[in-house]
């Protein structure tokens, strides 16, 4: 059941739905007829609690307007990191579980997915069996960590751009960088946003 909205909260939603860029809290305050930007901030926080707004996972300073209020918990697809089939990593058949996550803690939306880490190439940041939350996007800036598919094999790597070329870099110094060759198949699937660690993992492996 939808939670009842204050008239000011309804007015704020109407302003935000217009999609105007660069609106400040003061601009919105003037639009809805209140004196203080803090009043707008209070009502926006209430809209977030009620599930009408969520922080943009790419830019937390922005809000995403939701069509319908969402619960505090949502289920996110967990994909296997095995060899990819013809439909790619995010194919329906690669879903191995649906994991409940807090929408407030993780800022999740329909553009996020989970993968389970394999191996130790991204230690000490990511350990084997950690759950890695990623936001779907087709490109990354140099230095960002992403989920990629290289020659049909899913990987979590740091992306280095050299001109128009990509290099996949591990955080564990025991692994050499991989240069993407022109004949390779390569696709960026998403940007790593959060890591869910497991308390029983083995730290400090040699």
N, C-alpha and C. Protein backbone atom coordinates (compact mmCIF):
# COMPACT_ATOMS: atom_id res chain seq x y z
N UNK A 1 0.84 -1.18 0.00
CA UNK A 1 0.00 0.00 0.00
C UNK A 1 0.88 1.25 0.00
N UNK A 2 0.52 2.22 -0.81
CA UNK A 2 1.30 3.43 -0.89
C UNK A 2 1.19 4.25 0.39
N UNK A 3 2.28 4.84 0.80
CA UNK A 3 2.28 5.70 1.98
C UNK A 3 1.79 7.08 1.58
N UNK A 4 0.96 7.67 2.46
CA UNK A 4 0.38 8.98 2.18
C UNK A 4 1.48 10.03 2.10
N UNK A 5 1.35 10.91 1.11
CA UNK A 5 2.35 11.95 0.90
C UNK A 5 1.83 13.30 1.38
N UNK A 6 2.73 14.06 1.99
CA UNK A 6 2.47 15.45 2.35
C UNK A 6 2.33 16.24 1.05
N UNK A 7 1.53 17.31 1.09
CA UNK A 7 1.32 18.12 -0.11
C UNK A 7 2.63 18.67 -0.66
N UNK A 8 3.56 19.05 0.22
CA UNK A 8 4.84 19.56 -0.23
C UNK A 8 5.65 18.46 -0.93
N UNK A 9 5.52 17.23 -0.44
CA UNK A 9 6.23 16.11 -1.07
C UNK A 9 5.67 15.83 -2.46
N UNK A 10 4.36 15.94 -2.62
CA UNK A 10 3.75 15.78 -3.94
C UNK A 10 4.25 16.87 -4.89
N UNK A 11 4.36 18.09 -4.36
CA UNK A 11 4.82 19.22 -5.18
C UNK A 11 6.28 19.02 -5.60
N UNK A 12 7.11 18.52 -4.68
CA UNK A 12 8.52 18.27 -5.01
C UNK A 12 8.62 17.24 -6.11
N UNK A 13 7.84 16.16 -6.03
CA UNK A 13 7.87 15.12 -7.06
C UNK A 13 7.49 15.71 -8.42
N UNK A 14 6.48 16.57 -8.44
CA UNK A 14 6.06 17.18 -9.71
C UNK A 14 7.18 18.02 -10.30
N UNK A 15 7.91 18.74 -9.46
CA UNK A 15 9.04 19.55 -9.94
C UNK A 15 10.14 18.63 -10.49
N UNK A 16 10.46 17.58 -9.76
CA UNK A 16 11.54 16.68 -10.18
C UNK A 16 11.19 15.93 -11.46
N UNK A 17 9.93 15.62 -11.65
CA UNK A 17 9.50 14.86 -12.83
C UNK A 17 9.69 15.66 -14.13
N UNK A 18 9.81 16.96 -14.01
CA UNK A 18 10.04 17.77 -15.22
C UNK A 18 11.42 17.52 -15.81
N UNK A 19 12.33 16.97 -14.98
CA UNK A 19 13.64 16.60 -15.48
C UNK A 19 14.58 17.76 -15.77
N UNK A 20 14.37 18.89 -15.15
CA UNK A 20 15.24 20.05 -15.38
C UNK A 20 16.58 19.83 -14.69
N UNK A 21 17.66 20.10 -15.39
CA UNK A 21 18.99 19.89 -14.83
C UNK A 21 19.43 21.10 -14.00
N UNK A 22 20.25 20.84 -13.00
CA UNK A 22 20.86 21.90 -12.22
C UNK A 22 19.97 22.57 -11.20
N UNK A 23 18.81 21.96 -10.87
CA UNK A 23 17.93 22.56 -9.87
C UNK A 23 18.56 22.43 -8.49
N UNK A 24 18.65 23.53 -7.77
CA UNK A 24 19.16 23.51 -6.40
C UNK A 24 17.99 23.35 -5.44
N UNK A 25 18.30 23.09 -4.17
CA UNK A 25 17.25 23.01 -3.15
C UNK A 25 16.52 24.35 -3.05
N UNK A 26 17.26 25.45 -3.20
CA UNK A 26 16.63 26.77 -3.15
C UNK A 26 15.67 26.97 -4.32
N UNK A 27 16.06 26.48 -5.52
CA UNK A 27 15.17 26.57 -6.69
C UNK A 27 13.86 25.83 -6.43
N UNK A 28 14.00 24.61 -5.88
CA UNK A 28 12.81 23.81 -5.60
C UNK A 28 11.96 24.47 -4.53
N UNK A 29 12.61 25.06 -3.50
CA UNK A 29 11.87 25.76 -2.44
C UNK A 29 11.01 26.87 -3.03
N UNK A 30 11.58 27.64 -3.95
CA UNK A 30 10.82 28.72 -4.59
C UNK A 30 9.65 28.16 -5.40
N UNK A 31 9.90 27.03 -6.08
CA UNK A 31 8.86 26.42 -6.92
C UNK A 31 7.66 25.96 -6.09
N UNK A 32 7.92 25.41 -4.91
CA UNK A 32 6.81 24.84 -4.12
C UNK A 32 6.31 25.80 -3.04
N UNK A 33 6.92 26.99 -2.97
CA UNK A 33 6.40 28.02 -2.07
C UNK A 33 6.81 27.88 -0.62
N UNK A 34 8.05 27.46 -0.37
CA UNK A 34 8.56 27.45 1.00
C UNK A 34 9.80 28.34 1.06
N UNK A 35 10.13 28.76 2.27
CA UNK A 35 11.23 29.72 2.43
C UNK A 35 12.60 29.06 2.56
N UNK A 36 12.65 27.87 3.13
CA UNK A 36 13.94 27.28 3.49
C UNK A 36 14.29 26.06 2.63
N UNK A 37 15.50 26.04 2.07
CA UNK A 37 15.97 24.83 1.38
C UNK A 37 16.01 23.62 2.30
N UNK A 38 16.20 23.86 3.61
CA UNK A 38 16.21 22.73 4.56
C UNK A 38 14.86 22.03 4.61
N UNK A 39 13.79 22.79 4.39
CA UNK A 39 12.46 22.17 4.35
C UNK A 39 12.35 21.23 3.16
N UNK A 40 12.91 21.66 2.03
CA UNK A 40 12.91 20.80 0.84
C UNK A 40 13.73 19.53 1.11
N UNK A 41 14.90 19.69 1.71
CA UNK A 41 15.75 18.55 2.01
C UNK A 41 15.04 17.56 2.94
N UNK A 42 14.35 18.09 3.94
CA UNK A 42 13.60 17.22 4.86
C UNK A 42 12.57 16.39 4.09
N UNK A 43 11.80 17.05 3.24
CA UNK A 43 10.75 16.33 2.51
C UNK A 43 11.35 15.36 1.49
N UNK A 44 12.49 15.68 0.90
CA UNK A 44 13.14 14.74 -0.02
C UNK A 44 13.64 13.52 0.73
N UNK A 45 14.14 13.72 1.94
CA UNK A 45 14.54 12.57 2.76
C UNK A 45 13.34 11.69 3.10
N UNK A 46 12.20 12.34 3.35
CA UNK A 46 10.98 11.58 3.62
C UNK A 46 10.53 10.80 2.39
N UNK A 47 10.65 11.42 1.22
CA UNK A 47 10.30 10.73 -0.03
C UNK A 47 11.20 9.52 -0.26
N UNK A 48 12.48 9.68 0.13
CA UNK A 48 13.40 8.55 0.00
C UNK A 48 13.01 7.43 0.95
N UNK A 49 12.66 7.77 2.19
CA UNK A 49 12.24 6.76 3.17
C UNK A 49 10.97 6.04 2.74
N UNK A 50 10.08 6.77 2.08
CA UNK A 50 8.82 6.19 1.64
C UNK A 50 8.95 5.42 0.33
N UNK A 51 10.15 5.48 -0.29
CA UNK A 51 10.39 4.69 -1.49
C UNK A 51 10.06 5.35 -2.80
N UNK A 52 9.83 6.69 -2.78
CA UNK A 52 9.52 7.40 -4.02
C UNK A 52 10.77 7.91 -4.72
N UNK A 53 11.85 8.09 -3.97
CA UNK A 53 13.12 8.54 -4.53
C UNK A 53 14.22 7.59 -4.07
N UNK A 54 15.24 7.46 -4.91
CA UNK A 54 16.44 6.73 -4.51
C UNK A 54 17.65 7.51 -5.02
N UNK A 55 18.74 7.44 -4.27
CA UNK A 55 19.98 8.06 -4.72
C UNK A 55 20.47 7.38 -5.99
N UNK A 56 20.95 8.18 -6.92
CA UNK A 56 21.53 7.65 -8.14
C UNK A 56 22.83 6.93 -7.79
N UNK A 57 22.97 5.60 -8.08
CA UNK A 57 24.19 4.88 -7.73
C UNK A 57 25.43 5.40 -8.45
N UNK A 58 25.25 6.05 -9.59
CA UNK A 58 26.38 6.61 -10.33
C UNK A 58 26.80 7.95 -9.73
N UNK A 59 25.81 8.78 -9.40
CA UNK A 59 26.07 10.10 -8.82
C UNK A 59 25.12 10.30 -7.63
N UNK A 60 25.59 9.97 -6.42
CA UNK A 60 24.72 10.03 -5.24
C UNK A 60 24.14 11.41 -4.94
N UNK A 61 24.67 12.45 -5.57
CA UNK A 61 24.12 13.79 -5.36
C UNK A 61 22.77 13.94 -6.08
N UNK A 62 22.50 13.07 -7.04
CA UNK A 62 21.25 13.11 -7.79
C UNK A 62 20.28 12.05 -7.27
N UNK A 63 19.01 12.26 -7.60
CA UNK A 63 17.97 11.32 -7.20
C UNK A 63 17.35 10.67 -8.43
N UNK A 64 16.90 9.43 -8.25
CA UNK A 64 16.12 8.74 -9.27
C UNK A 64 14.67 8.72 -8.79
N UNK A 65 13.74 9.15 -9.65
CA UNK A 65 12.32 9.11 -9.31
C UNK A 65 11.77 7.75 -9.70
N UNK A 66 11.16 7.06 -8.77
CA UNK A 66 10.65 5.72 -9.02
C UNK A 66 9.18 5.79 -9.41
N UNK A 67 8.79 4.95 -10.36
CA UNK A 67 7.39 4.96 -10.83
C UNK A 67 6.44 4.56 -9.71
N UNK A 68 6.85 3.60 -8.92
CA UNK A 68 6.06 3.14 -7.79
C UNK A 68 6.97 3.02 -6.58
N UNK A 69 6.42 3.27 -5.38
CA UNK A 69 7.25 3.11 -4.18
C UNK A 69 7.82 1.71 -4.10
N UNK A 70 9.07 1.60 -3.68
CA UNK A 70 9.67 0.28 -3.57
C UNK A 70 9.96 -0.03 -2.10
N UNK A 71 10.09 -1.31 -1.83
CA UNK A 71 10.36 -1.75 -0.46
C UNK A 71 11.82 -1.47 -0.11
N UNK A 72 12.10 -1.57 1.19
CA UNK A 72 13.47 -1.35 1.65
C UNK A 72 14.40 -2.48 1.20
N UNK A 73 13.81 -3.62 0.85
CA UNK A 73 14.60 -4.76 0.38
C UNK A 73 14.20 -5.07 -1.05
N UNK A 74 15.18 -5.30 -1.90
CA UNK A 74 14.91 -5.76 -3.25
C UNK A 74 15.81 -6.94 -3.56
N UNK A 75 15.44 -7.72 -4.54
CA UNK A 75 16.20 -8.91 -4.90
C UNK A 75 17.00 -8.64 -6.17
N UNK A 76 18.31 -8.89 -6.08
CA UNK A 76 19.22 -8.60 -7.18
C UNK A 76 19.74 -9.92 -7.75
N UNK A 77 19.80 -10.01 -9.07
CA UNK A 77 20.29 -11.23 -9.72
C UNK A 77 21.77 -11.46 -9.43
N UNK A 78 22.09 -12.68 -9.03
CA UNK A 78 23.48 -13.10 -8.86
C UNK A 78 23.85 -14.00 -10.03
N UNK A 79 24.88 -13.61 -10.78
CA UNK A 79 25.28 -14.35 -11.97
C UNK A 79 26.56 -15.15 -11.69
N UNK A 80 26.63 -16.31 -12.32
CA UNK A 80 27.82 -17.14 -12.20
C UNK A 80 28.95 -16.59 -13.04
N UNK A 81 30.18 -16.81 -12.59
CA UNK A 81 31.36 -16.33 -13.32
C UNK A 81 31.98 -17.44 -14.16
N UNK A 82 31.16 -18.39 -14.58
CA UNK A 82 31.64 -19.46 -15.45
C UNK A 82 31.70 -18.94 -16.88
N UNK A 83 32.19 -19.80 -17.78
CA UNK A 83 32.29 -19.44 -19.20
C UNK A 83 30.94 -18.93 -19.71
N UNK A 84 30.95 -17.85 -20.47
CA UNK A 84 29.71 -17.26 -20.96
C UNK A 84 29.17 -18.02 -22.16
N UNK A 85 27.85 -18.12 -22.23
CA UNK A 85 27.21 -18.70 -23.40
C UNK A 85 26.99 -17.64 -24.46
N UNK A 86 26.23 -17.99 -25.51
CA UNK A 86 26.03 -17.05 -26.64
C UNK A 86 25.31 -15.77 -26.24
N UNK A 87 24.53 -15.80 -25.16
CA UNK A 87 23.78 -14.62 -24.74
C UNK A 87 24.57 -13.72 -23.80
N UNK A 88 25.78 -14.16 -23.40
CA UNK A 88 26.62 -13.31 -22.56
C UNK A 88 26.44 -13.56 -21.07
N UNK A 89 27.19 -12.79 -20.30
CA UNK A 89 27.22 -12.97 -18.85
C UNK A 89 25.85 -12.81 -18.21
N UNK A 90 25.08 -11.79 -18.63
CA UNK A 90 23.82 -11.48 -17.97
C UNK A 90 22.63 -12.22 -18.58
N UNK A 91 22.90 -13.36 -19.18
CA UNK A 91 21.82 -14.18 -19.73
C UNK A 91 21.02 -14.82 -18.60
N UNK A 92 19.74 -15.06 -18.87
CA UNK A 92 18.85 -15.64 -17.88
C UNK A 92 19.39 -16.94 -17.30
N UNK A 93 19.99 -17.77 -18.17
CA UNK A 93 20.48 -19.07 -17.70
C UNK A 93 21.70 -18.97 -16.79
N UNK A 94 22.32 -17.80 -16.73
CA UNK A 94 23.48 -17.62 -15.86
C UNK A 94 23.11 -17.14 -14.46
N UNK A 95 21.82 -16.88 -14.21
CA UNK A 95 21.39 -16.48 -12.87
C UNK A 95 21.46 -17.69 -11.95
N UNK A 96 22.24 -17.56 -10.88
CA UNK A 96 22.37 -18.69 -9.94
C UNK A 96 21.62 -18.44 -8.64
N UNK A 97 21.20 -17.20 -8.40
CA UNK A 97 20.43 -16.91 -7.18
C UNK A 97 19.89 -15.49 -7.29
N UNK A 98 18.98 -15.17 -6.41
CA UNK A 98 18.50 -13.78 -6.28
C UNK A 98 18.72 -13.38 -4.83
N UNK A 99 19.53 -12.35 -4.62
CA UNK A 99 20.00 -11.99 -3.29
C UNK A 99 19.25 -10.75 -2.78
N UNK A 100 18.67 -10.83 -1.57
CA UNK A 100 18.00 -9.65 -1.01
C UNK A 100 19.01 -8.62 -0.50
N UNK A 101 18.86 -7.37 -0.94
CA UNK A 101 19.74 -6.29 -0.51
C UNK A 101 18.91 -5.09 -0.07
N UNK A 102 19.47 -4.32 0.83
CA UNK A 102 18.82 -3.10 1.28
C UNK A 102 18.94 -2.02 0.20
N UNK A 103 17.82 -1.48 -0.22
CA UNK A 103 17.85 -0.44 -1.24
C UNK A 103 18.45 0.85 -0.69
N UNK A 104 18.35 1.07 0.63
CA UNK A 104 18.90 2.27 1.22
C UNK A 104 20.41 2.17 1.38
N UNK A 105 20.87 0.99 1.79
CA UNK A 105 22.31 0.80 2.02
C UNK A 105 23.08 0.77 0.71
N UNK A 106 22.55 0.04 -0.28
CA UNK A 106 23.30 -0.19 -1.52
C UNK A 106 22.81 0.66 -2.68
N UNK A 107 21.70 1.40 -2.51
CA UNK A 107 21.21 2.24 -3.59
C UNK A 107 20.88 1.45 -4.84
N UNK A 108 20.36 0.23 -4.67
CA UNK A 108 20.18 -0.65 -5.82
C UNK A 108 19.01 -0.20 -6.69
N UNK A 109 19.10 -0.55 -7.97
CA UNK A 109 18.05 -0.26 -8.94
C UNK A 109 18.03 -1.42 -9.92
N UNK A 110 17.21 -1.30 -10.97
CA UNK A 110 17.15 -2.38 -11.96
C UNK A 110 18.38 -2.42 -12.85
N UNK A 111 19.32 -1.49 -12.63
CA UNK A 111 20.55 -1.45 -13.43
C UNK A 111 21.74 -2.10 -12.72
N UNK A 112 21.51 -2.77 -11.59
CA UNK A 112 22.62 -3.39 -10.88
C UNK A 112 22.51 -4.91 -10.93
N UNK A 113 23.63 -5.57 -10.73
CA UNK A 113 23.67 -7.03 -10.69
C UNK A 113 24.81 -7.45 -9.78
N UNK A 114 24.80 -8.70 -9.40
CA UNK A 114 25.83 -9.28 -8.54
C UNK A 114 26.57 -10.39 -9.27
N UNK A 115 27.87 -10.50 -9.00
CA UNK A 115 28.66 -11.65 -9.43
C UNK A 115 29.47 -12.13 -8.24
N UNK A 116 29.76 -13.41 -8.21
CA UNK A 116 30.57 -13.98 -7.14
C UNK A 116 32.01 -14.06 -7.63
N UNK A 117 32.92 -13.45 -6.85
CA UNK A 117 34.32 -13.39 -7.26
C UNK A 117 34.98 -14.76 -7.22
N UNK A 118 35.87 -14.99 -8.17
CA UNK A 118 36.66 -16.22 -8.22
C UNK A 118 38.14 -15.86 -8.14
N UNK A 119 38.91 -16.71 -7.46
CA UNK A 119 40.36 -16.54 -7.45
C UNK A 119 40.83 -15.40 -6.56
N UNK A 120 42.14 -15.11 -6.64
CA UNK A 120 42.75 -14.11 -5.75
C UNK A 120 43.39 -12.95 -6.49
N UNK A 121 43.06 -12.78 -7.77
CA UNK A 121 43.75 -11.77 -8.57
C UNK A 121 43.42 -10.34 -8.15
N UNK A 122 42.29 -10.14 -7.44
CA UNK A 122 41.91 -8.78 -7.04
C UNK A 122 42.09 -8.55 -5.54
N UNK A 123 42.81 -9.46 -4.87
CA UNK A 123 43.15 -9.20 -3.47
C UNK A 123 44.19 -8.08 -3.40
N UNK A 124 44.16 -7.25 -2.36
CA UNK A 124 43.40 -7.39 -1.11
C UNK A 124 42.04 -6.71 -1.11
N UNK A 125 41.54 -6.25 -2.26
CA UNK A 125 40.24 -5.57 -2.29
C UNK A 125 39.09 -6.57 -2.36
N UNK A 126 39.23 -7.56 -3.24
CA UNK A 126 38.17 -8.54 -3.47
C UNK A 126 38.74 -9.93 -3.27
N UNK A 127 38.06 -10.73 -2.44
CA UNK A 127 38.50 -12.09 -2.17
C UNK A 127 37.55 -13.09 -2.83
N UNK A 128 38.04 -14.29 -2.99
CA UNK A 128 37.22 -15.35 -3.59
C UNK A 128 35.93 -15.52 -2.80
N UNK A 129 34.83 -15.65 -3.55
CA UNK A 129 33.47 -15.84 -3.03
C UNK A 129 32.83 -14.56 -2.48
N UNK A 130 33.56 -13.44 -2.48
CA UNK A 130 32.90 -12.16 -2.19
C UNK A 130 31.83 -11.91 -3.25
N UNK A 131 30.76 -11.24 -2.85
CA UNK A 131 29.74 -10.83 -3.80
C UNK A 131 30.05 -9.40 -4.25
N UNK A 132 30.13 -9.21 -5.56
CA UNK A 132 30.51 -7.92 -6.13
C UNK A 132 29.28 -7.31 -6.80
N UNK A 133 28.89 -6.13 -6.30
CA UNK A 133 27.74 -5.41 -6.84
C UNK A 133 28.21 -4.45 -7.91
N UNK A 134 27.64 -4.55 -9.10
CA UNK A 134 28.07 -3.72 -10.23
C UNK A 134 26.88 -3.03 -10.87
N UNK A 135 27.15 -1.86 -11.43
CA UNK A 135 26.14 -1.08 -12.15
C UNK A 135 26.36 -1.27 -13.65
N UNK A 136 25.32 -1.62 -14.35
CA UNK A 136 25.45 -1.88 -15.78
C UNK A 136 25.84 -0.61 -16.53
N UNK A 137 26.97 -0.67 -17.23
CA UNK A 137 27.36 0.42 -18.12
C UNK A 137 28.41 -0.10 -19.09
N UNK A 138 28.39 0.43 -20.32
CA UNK A 138 29.21 -0.14 -21.40
C UNK A 138 30.63 0.37 -21.48
N UNK A 139 31.02 1.32 -20.62
CA UNK A 139 32.38 1.85 -20.68
C UNK A 139 32.81 2.27 -19.28
N UNK A 140 34.11 2.38 -19.10
CA UNK A 140 34.69 2.78 -17.82
C UNK A 140 35.81 3.77 -18.04
N UNK A 141 36.06 4.60 -17.04
CA UNK A 141 37.21 5.49 -17.07
C UNK A 141 38.46 4.70 -16.64
N UNK A 142 39.61 5.14 -17.09
CA UNK A 142 40.84 4.46 -16.71
C UNK A 142 41.00 4.49 -15.19
N UNK A 143 41.40 3.38 -14.62
CA UNK A 143 41.57 3.27 -13.18
C UNK A 143 40.36 2.72 -12.46
N UNK A 144 39.22 2.64 -13.14
CA UNK A 144 38.02 2.10 -12.50
C UNK A 144 38.02 0.58 -12.57
N UNK A 145 37.33 -0.04 -11.62
CA UNK A 145 37.25 -1.50 -11.57
C UNK A 145 35.90 -1.93 -12.13
N UNK A 146 35.94 -2.88 -13.04
CA UNK A 146 34.70 -3.29 -13.69
C UNK A 146 34.59 -4.79 -13.87
N UNK A 147 33.39 -5.19 -14.25
CA UNK A 147 33.12 -6.56 -14.67
C UNK A 147 33.17 -6.58 -16.19
N UNK A 148 34.02 -7.41 -16.75
CA UNK A 148 34.19 -7.48 -18.19
C UNK A 148 34.08 -8.93 -18.66
N UNK A 149 33.91 -9.08 -19.96
CA UNK A 149 33.99 -10.41 -20.57
C UNK A 149 35.09 -10.35 -21.62
N UNK A 150 36.12 -11.17 -21.44
CA UNK A 150 37.26 -11.20 -22.34
C UNK A 150 37.38 -12.60 -22.91
N UNK A 151 37.21 -12.71 -24.23
CA UNK A 151 37.22 -14.02 -24.90
C UNK A 151 36.29 -15.01 -24.21
N UNK A 152 35.06 -14.54 -23.96
CA UNK A 152 33.97 -15.32 -23.37
C UNK A 152 34.19 -15.67 -21.90
N UNK A 153 35.22 -15.12 -21.27
CA UNK A 153 35.46 -15.39 -19.86
C UNK A 153 35.18 -14.14 -19.02
N UNK A 154 34.24 -14.22 -18.07
CA UNK A 154 33.97 -13.07 -17.20
C UNK A 154 35.13 -12.83 -16.25
N UNK A 155 35.45 -11.55 -16.04
CA UNK A 155 36.55 -11.18 -15.15
C UNK A 155 36.19 -9.90 -14.41
N UNK A 156 36.79 -9.74 -13.23
CA UNK A 156 36.72 -8.47 -12.50
C UNK A 156 38.13 -7.90 -12.52
N UNK A 157 38.29 -6.74 -13.15
CA UNK A 157 39.63 -6.18 -13.34
C UNK A 157 39.61 -4.66 -13.25
N UNK A 158 40.77 -4.11 -12.99
CA UNK A 158 40.97 -2.66 -13.10
C UNK A 158 41.24 -2.34 -14.56
N UNK A 159 40.54 -1.34 -15.06
CA UNK A 159 40.64 -0.98 -16.47
C UNK A 159 41.67 0.14 -16.66
N UNK A 160 42.61 -0.08 -17.55
CA UNK A 160 43.57 0.94 -17.92
C UNK A 160 43.40 1.22 -19.42
N UNK A 161 43.21 2.50 -19.76
CA UNK A 161 43.08 2.89 -21.16
C UNK A 161 44.38 3.52 -21.63
N UNK A 162 44.89 3.02 -22.73
CA UNK A 162 46.07 3.60 -23.37
C UNK A 162 45.68 3.91 -24.81
N UNK A 163 45.35 5.20 -25.04
CA UNK A 163 44.80 5.55 -26.34
C UNK A 163 43.46 4.88 -26.53
N UNK A 164 43.34 4.09 -27.59
CA UNK A 164 42.10 3.35 -27.85
C UNK A 164 42.20 1.90 -27.36
N UNK A 165 43.30 1.58 -26.72
CA UNK A 165 43.50 0.21 -26.26
C UNK A 165 43.15 0.07 -24.78
N UNK A 166 42.77 -1.15 -24.40
CA UNK A 166 42.47 -1.47 -23.02
C UNK A 166 43.49 -2.45 -22.47
N UNK A 167 43.82 -2.28 -21.20
CA UNK A 167 44.64 -3.24 -20.47
C UNK A 167 43.87 -3.63 -19.22
N UNK A 168 43.82 -4.93 -18.95
CA UNK A 168 43.16 -5.43 -17.75
C UNK A 168 44.21 -5.67 -16.69
N UNK A 169 44.05 -5.01 -15.56
CA UNK A 169 45.07 -5.07 -14.52
C UNK A 169 44.51 -5.71 -13.25
N UNK A 170 45.27 -6.63 -12.66
CA UNK A 170 44.91 -7.22 -11.38
C UNK A 170 45.50 -6.38 -10.26
N UNK A 171 44.90 -6.47 -9.07
CA UNK A 171 45.44 -5.77 -7.91
C UNK A 171 46.50 -6.60 -7.21
N UNK A 172 46.43 -7.90 -7.40
CA UNK A 172 47.44 -8.81 -6.84
C UNK A 172 48.67 -8.78 -7.75
N UNK A 173 49.82 -8.39 -7.21
CA UNK A 173 51.03 -8.21 -8.02
C UNK A 173 51.56 -9.51 -8.62
N UNK A 174 51.03 -10.64 -8.20
CA UNK A 174 51.49 -11.92 -8.76
C UNK A 174 50.95 -12.14 -10.18
N UNK A 175 50.00 -11.29 -10.60
CA UNK A 175 49.39 -11.47 -11.92
C UNK A 175 49.84 -10.35 -12.86
N UNK A 176 50.16 -10.72 -14.08
CA UNK A 176 50.59 -9.75 -15.08
C UNK A 176 49.37 -9.08 -15.73
N UNK A 177 49.49 -7.82 -16.16
CA UNK A 177 48.41 -7.16 -16.91
C UNK A 177 48.13 -7.91 -18.22
N UNK A 178 46.89 -7.82 -18.66
CA UNK A 178 46.48 -8.44 -19.93
C UNK A 178 46.10 -7.34 -20.92
N UNK A 179 46.80 -7.27 -22.01
CA UNK A 179 46.47 -6.30 -23.05
C UNK A 179 45.41 -6.89 -23.97
N UNK A 180 44.37 -6.10 -24.24
CA UNK A 180 43.31 -6.56 -25.14
C UNK A 180 43.79 -6.39 -26.58
N UNK A 181 43.90 -7.49 -27.27
CA UNK A 181 44.37 -7.46 -28.65
C UNK A 181 43.20 -7.24 -29.61
N UNK A 182 43.52 -6.79 -30.80
CA UNK A 182 42.48 -6.44 -31.77
C UNK A 182 41.61 -7.64 -32.12
N UNK A 183 42.19 -8.85 -32.07
CA UNK A 183 41.41 -10.04 -32.45
C UNK A 183 40.60 -10.60 -31.28
N UNK A 184 40.80 -10.05 -30.09
CA UNK A 184 40.08 -10.54 -28.91
C UNK A 184 38.62 -10.09 -28.93
N UNK A 185 37.75 -10.90 -28.35
CA UNK A 185 36.40 -10.44 -28.06
C UNK A 185 36.42 -9.82 -26.67
N UNK A 186 35.86 -8.61 -26.54
CA UNK A 186 35.95 -7.89 -25.28
C UNK A 186 34.72 -7.02 -25.10
N UNK A 187 34.16 -7.06 -23.89
CA UNK A 187 32.99 -6.24 -23.59
C UNK A 187 33.03 -5.83 -22.13
N UNK A 188 32.77 -4.54 -21.88
CA UNK A 188 32.61 -4.06 -20.51
C UNK A 188 31.14 -4.22 -20.14
N UNK A 189 30.90 -4.90 -19.02
CA UNK A 189 29.53 -5.17 -18.59
C UNK A 189 29.06 -4.16 -17.56
N UNK A 190 29.94 -3.78 -16.62
CA UNK A 190 29.50 -2.85 -15.59
C UNK A 190 30.64 -2.37 -14.71
N UNK A 191 30.33 -1.38 -13.90
CA UNK A 191 31.29 -0.79 -12.98
C UNK A 191 31.04 -1.30 -11.57
N UNK A 192 32.09 -1.75 -10.90
CA UNK A 192 31.98 -2.26 -9.53
C UNK A 192 31.64 -1.10 -8.60
N UNK A 193 30.54 -1.27 -7.84
CA UNK A 193 30.08 -0.22 -6.94
C UNK A 193 30.25 -0.58 -5.47
N UNK A 194 30.17 -1.88 -5.15
CA UNK A 194 30.23 -2.28 -3.76
C UNK A 194 30.68 -3.73 -3.68
N UNK A 195 31.23 -4.11 -2.53
CA UNK A 195 31.71 -5.48 -2.33
C UNK A 195 31.14 -5.98 -1.01
N UNK A 196 30.52 -7.14 -1.06
CA UNK A 196 29.96 -7.76 0.14
C UNK A 196 30.92 -8.87 0.55
N UNK A 197 31.65 -8.63 1.63
CA UNK A 197 32.68 -9.57 2.07
C UNK A 197 32.08 -10.64 2.97
N UNK A 198 32.76 -11.76 3.04
CA UNK A 198 32.36 -12.83 3.92
C UNK A 198 33.35 -12.92 5.07
N UNK A 199 32.81 -13.02 6.28
CA UNK A 199 33.65 -12.99 7.48
C UNK A 199 34.58 -14.19 7.59
N UNK A 200 34.19 -15.31 6.97
CA UNK A 200 35.00 -16.53 7.13
C UNK A 200 36.05 -16.71 6.05
N UNK A 201 36.30 -15.65 5.26
CA UNK A 201 37.32 -15.77 4.21
C UNK A 201 38.73 -15.82 4.84
N UNK A 202 39.66 -16.33 4.10
CA UNK A 202 41.03 -16.42 4.57
C UNK A 202 41.78 -15.19 4.11
N UNK A 203 42.27 -14.42 5.07
CA UNK A 203 43.01 -13.20 4.74
C UNK A 203 44.52 -13.50 4.70
N UNK A 204 45.20 -12.61 3.97
CA UNK A 204 46.65 -12.65 4.00
C UNK A 204 47.25 -13.92 3.42
N UNK A 205 46.60 -14.47 2.39
CA UNK A 205 47.18 -15.67 1.77
C UNK A 205 48.48 -15.34 1.05
N UNK A 206 49.39 -16.26 1.10
CA UNK A 206 50.66 -16.08 0.41
C UNK A 206 50.64 -16.75 -0.94
